[in-house]
PDB file of N, CA and C in Angstrom:
ATOM      1  N   MET A   1      22.047   6.770  -4.015  1.00  0.00           N
ATOM      2  CA  MET A   1      21.306   5.841  -4.804  1.00  0.00           C
ATOM      3  C   MET A   1      20.216   5.420  -3.678  1.00  0.00           C
ATOM      4  N   ILE A   2      19.063   5.479  -4.131  1.00  0.00           N
ATOM      5  CA  ILE A   2      17.885   5.012  -3.102  1.00  0.00           C
ATOM      6  C   ILE A   2      17.611   3.466  -3.608  1.00  0.00           C
ATOM      7  N   SER A   3      17.362   2.610  -2.670  1.00  0.00           N
ATOM      8  CA  SER A   3      17.022   1.312  -3.044  1.00  0.00           C
ATOM      9  C   SER A   3      15.761   1.048  -2.028  1.00  0.00           C
ATOM     10  N   PHE A   4      14.905   0.063  -2.693  1.00  0.00           N
ATOM     11  CA  PHE A   4      13.952  -0.503  -1.936  1.00  0.00           C
ATOM     12  C   PHE A   4      13.959  -1.867  -1.947  1.00  0.00           C
ATOM     13  N   LYS A   5      13.493  -2.548  -0.571  1.00  0.00           N
ATOM     14  CA  LYS A   5      13.580  -3.904  -0.422  1.00  0.00           C
ATOM     15  C   LYS A   5      12.204  -4.404  -0.948  1.00  0.00           C
ATOM     16  N   LEU A   6      12.150  -5.696  -1.418  1.00  0.00           N
ATOM     17  CA  LEU A   6      10.847  -6.255  -1.690  1.00  0.00           C
ATOM     18  C   LEU A   6       9.903  -6.343  -0.442  1.00  0.00           C
ATOM     19  N   VAL A   7       8.773  -6.311  -0.650  1.00  0.00           N
ATOM     20  CA  VAL A   7       7.606  -6.515   0.530  1.00  0.00           C
ATOM     21  C   VAL A   7       7.794  -7.869   1.026  1.00  0.00           C
ATOM     22  N   GLU A   8       8.036  -8.149   2.344  1.00  0.00           N
ATOM     23  CA  GLU A   8       7.713  -9.402   2.803  1.00  0.00           C
ATOM     24  C   GLU A   8       6.563  -9.708   3.560  1.00  0.00           C
ATOM     25  N   ASP A   9       6.140 -10.915   3.864  1.00  0.00           N
ATOM     26  CA  ASP A   9       4.922 -10.935   4.610  1.00  0.00           C
ATOM     27  C   ASP A   9       5.053 -10.225   5.921  1.00  0.00           C
ATOM     28  N   GLU A  10       5.879 -10.208   6.565  1.00  0.00           N
ATOM     29  CA  GLU A  10       5.918  -9.708   7.802  1.00  0.00           C
ATOM     30  C   GLU A  10       6.055  -8.003   7.702  1.00  0.00           C
ATOM     31  N   ASP A  11       6.146  -7.566   6.523  1.00  0.00           N
ATOM     32  CA  ASP A  11       5.899  -6.176   6.528  1.00  0.00           C
ATOM     33  C   ASP A  11       4.572  -5.696   6.034  1.00  0.00           C
ATOM     34  N   LEU A  12       3.537  -6.537   5.843  1.00  0.00           N
ATOM     35  CA  LEU A  12       2.166  -6.349   5.604  1.00  0.00           C
ATOM     36  C   LEU A  12       1.424  -5.554   6.782  1.00  0.00           C
ATOM     37  N   ALA A  13       1.720  -6.038   7.992  1.00  0.00           N
ATOM     38  CA  ALA A  13       0.828  -5.350   8.932  1.00  0.00           C
ATOM     39  C   ALA A  13       1.245  -3.923   9.262  1.00  0.00           C
ATOM     40  N   MET A  14       2.597  -3.588   8.917  1.00  0.00           N
ATOM     41  CA  MET A  14       3.042  -2.282   9.180  1.00  0.00           C
ATOM     42  C   MET A  14       2.422  -1.428   8.109  1.00  0.00           C
ATOM     43  N   ILE A  15       2.524  -1.985   6.959  1.00  0.00           N
ATOM     44  CA  ILE A  15       1.994  -1.208   5.698  1.00  0.00           C
ATOM     45  C   ILE A  15       0.590  -0.827   5.776  1.00  0.00           C
ATOM     46  N   GLU A  16      -0.269  -1.855   6.277  1.00  0.00           N
ATOM     47  CA  GLU A  16      -1.648  -1.761   6.551  1.00  0.00           C
ATOM     48  C   GLU A  16      -1.973  -0.538   7.526  1.00  0.00           C
ATOM     49  N   GLU A  17      -1.081  -0.471   8.564  1.00  0.00           N
ATOM     50  CA  GLU A  17      -1.225   0.461   9.494  1.00  0.00           C
ATOM     51  C   GLU A  17      -1.006   1.811   9.007  1.00  0.00           C
ATOM     52  N   TRP A  18       0.106   1.759   8.210  1.00  0.00           N
ATOM     53  CA  TRP A  18       0.569   3.159   7.589  1.00  0.00           C
ATOM     54  C   TRP A  18      -0.483   3.749   6.741  1.00  0.00           C
ATOM     55  N   LEU A  19      -1.102   2.694   5.793  1.00  0.00           N
ATOM     56  CA  LEU A  19      -2.236   3.087   4.802  1.00  0.00           C
ATOM     57  C   LEU A  19      -3.511   3.608   5.579  1.00  0.00           C
ATOM     58  N   ASN A  20      -3.728   3.312   6.820  1.00  0.00           N
ATOM     59  CA  ASN A  20      -4.923   3.765   7.555  1.00  0.00           C
ATOM     60  C   ASN A  20      -4.651   5.038   8.376  1.00  0.00           C
ATOM     61  N   TYR A  21      -3.388   5.582   8.316  1.00  0.00           N
ATOM     62  CA  TYR A  21      -3.310   6.870   8.992  1.00  0.00           C
ATOM     63  C   TYR A  21      -4.046   7.955   8.032  1.00  0.00           C
ATOM     64  N   GLU A  22      -4.876   8.779   8.843  1.00  0.00           N
ATOM     65  CA  GLU A  22      -5.620   9.767   8.061  1.00  0.00           C
ATOM     66  C   GLU A  22      -4.721  10.619   6.903  1.00  0.00           C
ATOM     67  N   HIS A  23      -3.678  10.962   7.315  1.00  0.00           N
ATOM     68  CA  HIS A  23      -2.849  11.883   6.447  1.00  0.00           C
ATOM     69  C   HIS A  23      -2.243  11.088   5.231  1.00  0.00           C
ATOM     70  N   VAL A  24      -2.314   9.709   5.186  1.00  0.00           N
ATOM     71  CA  VAL A  24      -1.918   8.843   4.207  1.00  0.00           C
ATOM     72  C   VAL A  24      -3.264   8.224   3.376  1.00  0.00           C
ATOM     73  N   LYS A  25      -4.072   8.002   4.099  1.00  0.00           N
ATOM     74  CA  LYS A  25      -5.338   7.461   3.530  1.00  0.00           C
ATOM     75  C   LYS A  25      -6.015   8.616   2.478  1.00  0.00           C
ATOM     76  N   LYS A  26      -5.708   9.700   2.748  1.00  0.00           N
ATOM     77  CA  LYS A  26      -6.363  10.851   1.723  1.00  0.00           C
ATOM     78  C   LYS A  26      -5.576  10.616   0.527  1.00  0.00           C
ATOM     79  N   TRP A  27      -4.518  10.199   0.232  1.00  0.00           N
ATOM     80  CA  TRP A  27      -3.851  10.066  -0.962  1.00  0.00           C
ATOM     81  C   TRP A  27      -4.151   8.832  -1.794  1.00  0.00           C
ATOM     82  N   TYR A  28      -4.650   7.882  -0.947  1.00  0.00           N
ATOM     83  CA  TYR A  28      -4.790   6.338  -1.719  1.00  0.00           C
ATOM     84  C   TYR A  28      -6.301   6.077  -1.749  1.00  0.00           C
ATOM     85  N   GLU A  29      -7.208   6.782  -1.069  1.00  0.00           N
ATOM     86  CA  GLU A  29      -8.535   6.628  -1.550  1.00  0.00           C
ATOM     87  C   GLU A  29      -9.084   7.554  -2.472  1.00  0.00           C
ATOM     88  N   ILE A  30      -9.530   7.012  -3.547  1.00  0.00           N
ATOM     89  CA  ILE A  30      -9.998   7.891  -4.936  1.00  0.00           C
ATOM     90  C   ILE A  30     -11.440   7.566  -5.064  1.00  0.00           C
ATOM     91  N   PRO A  31     -12.249   8.093  -4.536  1.00  0.00           N
ATOM     92  CA  PRO A  31     -13.788   7.959  -4.625  1.00  0.00           C
ATOM     93  C   PRO A  31     -14.198   7.754  -6.099  1.00  0.00           C
ATOM     94  N   GLU A  32     -13.748   8.755  -6.838  1.00  0.00           N
ATOM     95  CA  GLU A  32     -14.165   8.864  -8.298  1.00  0.00           C
ATOM     96  C   GLU A  32     -13.934   7.776  -8.997  1.00  0.00           C
ATOM     97  N   LEU A  33     -12.618   7.035  -8.669  1.00  0.00           N
ATOM     98  CA  LEU A  33     -12.430   5.526  -9.192  1.00  0.00           C
ATOM     99  C   LEU A  33     -12.821   4.454  -8.536  1.00  0.00           C
ATOM    100  N   ASP A  34     -13.566   4.683  -7.534  1.00  0.00           N
ATOM    101  CA  ASP A  34     -14.122   3.734  -6.576  1.00  0.00           C
ATOM    102  C   ASP A  34     -12.932   2.726  -6.002  1.00  0.00           C
ATOM    103  N   VAL A  35     -11.904   3.448  -5.609  1.00  0.00           N
ATOM    104  CA  VAL A  35     -10.585   2.842  -5.104  1.00  0.00           C
ATOM    105  C   VAL A  35     -10.435   3.356  -3.544  1.00  0.00           C
ATOM    106  N   SER A  36     -10.653   2.207  -2.731  1.00  0.00           N
ATOM    107  CA  SER A  36     -10.454   2.295  -1.397  1.00  0.00           C
ATOM    108  C   SER A  36      -9.098   1.952  -0.799  1.00  0.00           C
ATOM    109  N   ILE A  37      -8.986   2.158   0.537  1.00  0.00           N
ATOM    110  CA  ILE A  37      -7.739   1.511   1.167  1.00  0.00           C
ATOM    111  C   ILE A  37      -7.854   0.189   1.204  1.00  0.00           C
ATOM    112  N   ASP A  38      -9.129  -0.485   1.198  1.00  0.00           N
ATOM    113  CA  ASP A  38      -8.927  -2.133   1.258  1.00  0.00           C
ATOM    114  C   ASP A  38      -8.447  -2.598  -0.227  1.00  0.00           C
ATOM    115  N   ASP A  39      -8.746  -1.952  -1.202  1.00  0.00           N
ATOM    116  CA  ASP A  39      -8.123  -2.196  -2.476  1.00  0.00           C
ATOM    117  C   ASP A  39      -6.651  -2.411  -2.507  1.00  0.00           C
ATOM    118  N   TRP A  40      -5.975  -1.397  -2.006  1.00  0.00           N
ATOM    119  CA  TRP A  40      -4.576  -1.391  -1.761  1.00  0.00           C
ATOM    120  C   TRP A  40      -4.035  -2.447  -1.089  1.00  0.00           C
ATOM    121  N   GLN A  41      -4.844  -2.698   0.276  1.00  0.00           N
ATOM    122  CA  GLN A  41      -4.359  -3.726   1.149  1.00  0.00           C
ATOM    123  C   GLN A  41      -4.526  -5.143   0.479  1.00  0.00           C
ATOM    124  N   TRP A  42      -5.501  -5.330  -0.476  1.00  0.00           N
ATOM    125  CA  TRP A  42      -5.791  -6.611  -1.101  1.00  0.00           C
ATOM    126  C   TRP A  42      -4.658  -6.759  -2.141  1.00  0.00           C
ATOM    127  N   ASN A  43      -4.372  -5.649  -2.744  1.00  0.00           N
ATOM    128  CA  ASN A  43      -3.213  -5.876  -3.713  1.00  0.00           C
ATOM    129  C   ASN A  43      -1.938  -6.186  -2.910  1.00  0.00           C
ATOM    130  N   LEU A  44      -1.593  -5.544  -1.728  1.00  0.00           N
ATOM    131  CA  LEU A  44      -0.325  -5.857  -1.002  1.00  0.00           C
ATOM    132  C   LEU A  44      -0.326  -7.188  -0.678  1.00  0.00           C
ATOM    133  N   GLY A  45      -1.432  -8.016  -0.285  1.00  0.00           N
ATOM    134  CA  GLY A  45      -1.557  -9.274   0.175  1.00  0.00           C
ATOM    135  C   GLY A  45      -1.404 -10.131  -1.074  1.00  0.00           C
ATOM    136  N   LYS A  46      -1.812  -9.824  -2.187  1.00  0.00           N
ATOM    137  CA  LYS A  46      -1.839 -10.645  -3.285  1.00  0.00           C
ATOM    138  C   LYS A  46      -0.672 -10.520  -4.075  1.00  0.00           C
ATOM    139  N   GLU A  47       0.285  -9.646  -4.352  1.00  0.00           N
ATOM    140  CA  GLU A  47       1.208  -9.427  -5.034  1.00  0.00           C
ATOM    141  C   GLU A  47       2.579  -9.324  -4.291  1.00  0.00           C
ATOM    142  N   LYS A  48       3.606  -9.872  -4.760  1.00  0.00           N
ATOM    143  CA  LYS A  48       5.004  -9.921  -4.176  1.00  0.00           C
ATOM    144  C   LYS A  48       5.984  -8.844  -5.056  1.00  0.00           C
ATOM    145  N   SER A  49       5.656  -7.700  -4.878  1.00  0.00           N
ATOM    146  CA  SER A  49       6.255  -6.673  -5.676  1.00  0.00           C
ATOM    147  C   SER A  49       6.986  -5.722  -4.669  1.00  0.00           C
ATOM    148  N   SER A  50       7.774  -4.781  -5.463  1.00  0.00           N
ATOM    149  CA  SER A  50       8.421  -3.821  -4.549  1.00  0.00           C
ATOM    150  C   SER A  50       7.580  -2.943  -4.132  1.00  0.00           C
ATOM    151  N   LEU A  51       7.768  -2.223  -2.930  1.00  0.00           N
ATOM    152  CA  LEU A  51       6.754  -1.346  -2.235  1.00  0.00           C
ATOM    153  C   LEU A  51       6.615  -0.150  -3.092  1.00  0.00           C
ATOM    154  N   ILE A  52       7.616   0.247  -3.916  1.00  0.00           N
ATOM    155  CA  ILE A  52       7.527   1.550  -4.829  1.00  0.00           C
ATOM    156  C   ILE A  52       6.600   1.099  -5.878  1.00  0.00           C
ATOM    157  N   GLY A  53       6.741   0.035  -6.518  1.00  0.00           N
ATOM    158  CA  GLY A  53       5.972  -0.513  -7.563  1.00  0.00           C
ATOM    159  C   GLY A  53       4.513  -0.531  -7.134  1.00  0.00           C
ATOM    160  N   LEU A  54       4.236  -0.741  -5.922  1.00  0.00           N
ATOM    161  CA  LEU A  54       2.732  -0.975  -5.560  1.00  0.00           C
ATOM    162  C   LEU A  54       2.128   0.392  -5.311  1.00  0.00           C
ATOM    163  N   LEU A  55       2.883   1.471  -4.850  1.00  0.00           N
ATOM    164  CA  LEU A  55       2.396   2.673  -4.393  1.00  0.00           C
ATOM    165  C   LEU A  55       2.493   3.885  -5.484  1.00  0.00           C
ATOM    166  N   ILE A  56       2.922   3.523  -6.484  1.00  0.00           N
ATOM    167  CA  ILE A  56       3.081   4.542  -7.678  1.00  0.00           C
ATOM    168  C   ILE A  56       1.976   4.211  -8.747  1.00  0.00           C
TER     169      ILE A  56
END
């Protein structure tokens, strides 16, 4: 079984760094929908959800 922990404040810097890697960024920037990495980072800081829930 795979389980995920809830995202904590101390995890946000690591996730922000990960989202900005070029090989990751290309999956989360969606120009057709006007979605950028900044939108994901804003949501990460705003919501206290599981990581998997935020990235699906």
